[in-house]
């Protein structure tokens, strides 16, 4: 009986700690709004002039910072060599012996945090994709087998987080840099190329 009481007490304490963390996390996120007629985003704290300015981001379609970042990150092979880079997703369509396969890698949110997922699809004659393998954590047997086969890459898309805080996102399509999102020179930028 004592063991059951200890287990129940342990679960109760754990539940309270989890609930407290959720509440603290929810309250720590500033609300972000866009000021009408501008591209300036402000937090709820900025609306109340008696509080300190917490978060102010300017979204710009293209600036000199976007151009400088484009020059710095335009080569996907060089980006992959950066020590502080992490691949967030890969989507590749490949023609192997007349059959089109789609290879997908991404991180799935689970109770264990983020779990890498590897998916393999095969297209039919109507270009409908059919899932043939799902593999968490590591590449599946079929995924690995078909990935190694020679074929023609029809399309590729990759996303990376860069930086010590992993807060700069780079998006490539067919090896070309298409988008950068995140802080550049202390301001948030959403650069499209």
Foldseek 3Di string as FASTA:
>chain_A
DVVVVVVVVVVVVVVVVVVVVVVVVVVVDFQWDADPPFQKIATPQVVPVVGDGDDIAGEDADDVLLVVVCVVPFFPVVQVVAPFKDWAKKWWWWQAPNWIKIWIWHWDQDPVGTKIKIWIWTADPVRDTDTDDIDIRDDDPVRVVVVPGDTGTPKMKTKMQGDPVSFWIWIDIPRGTAWIFGDGPRHTYTYGD
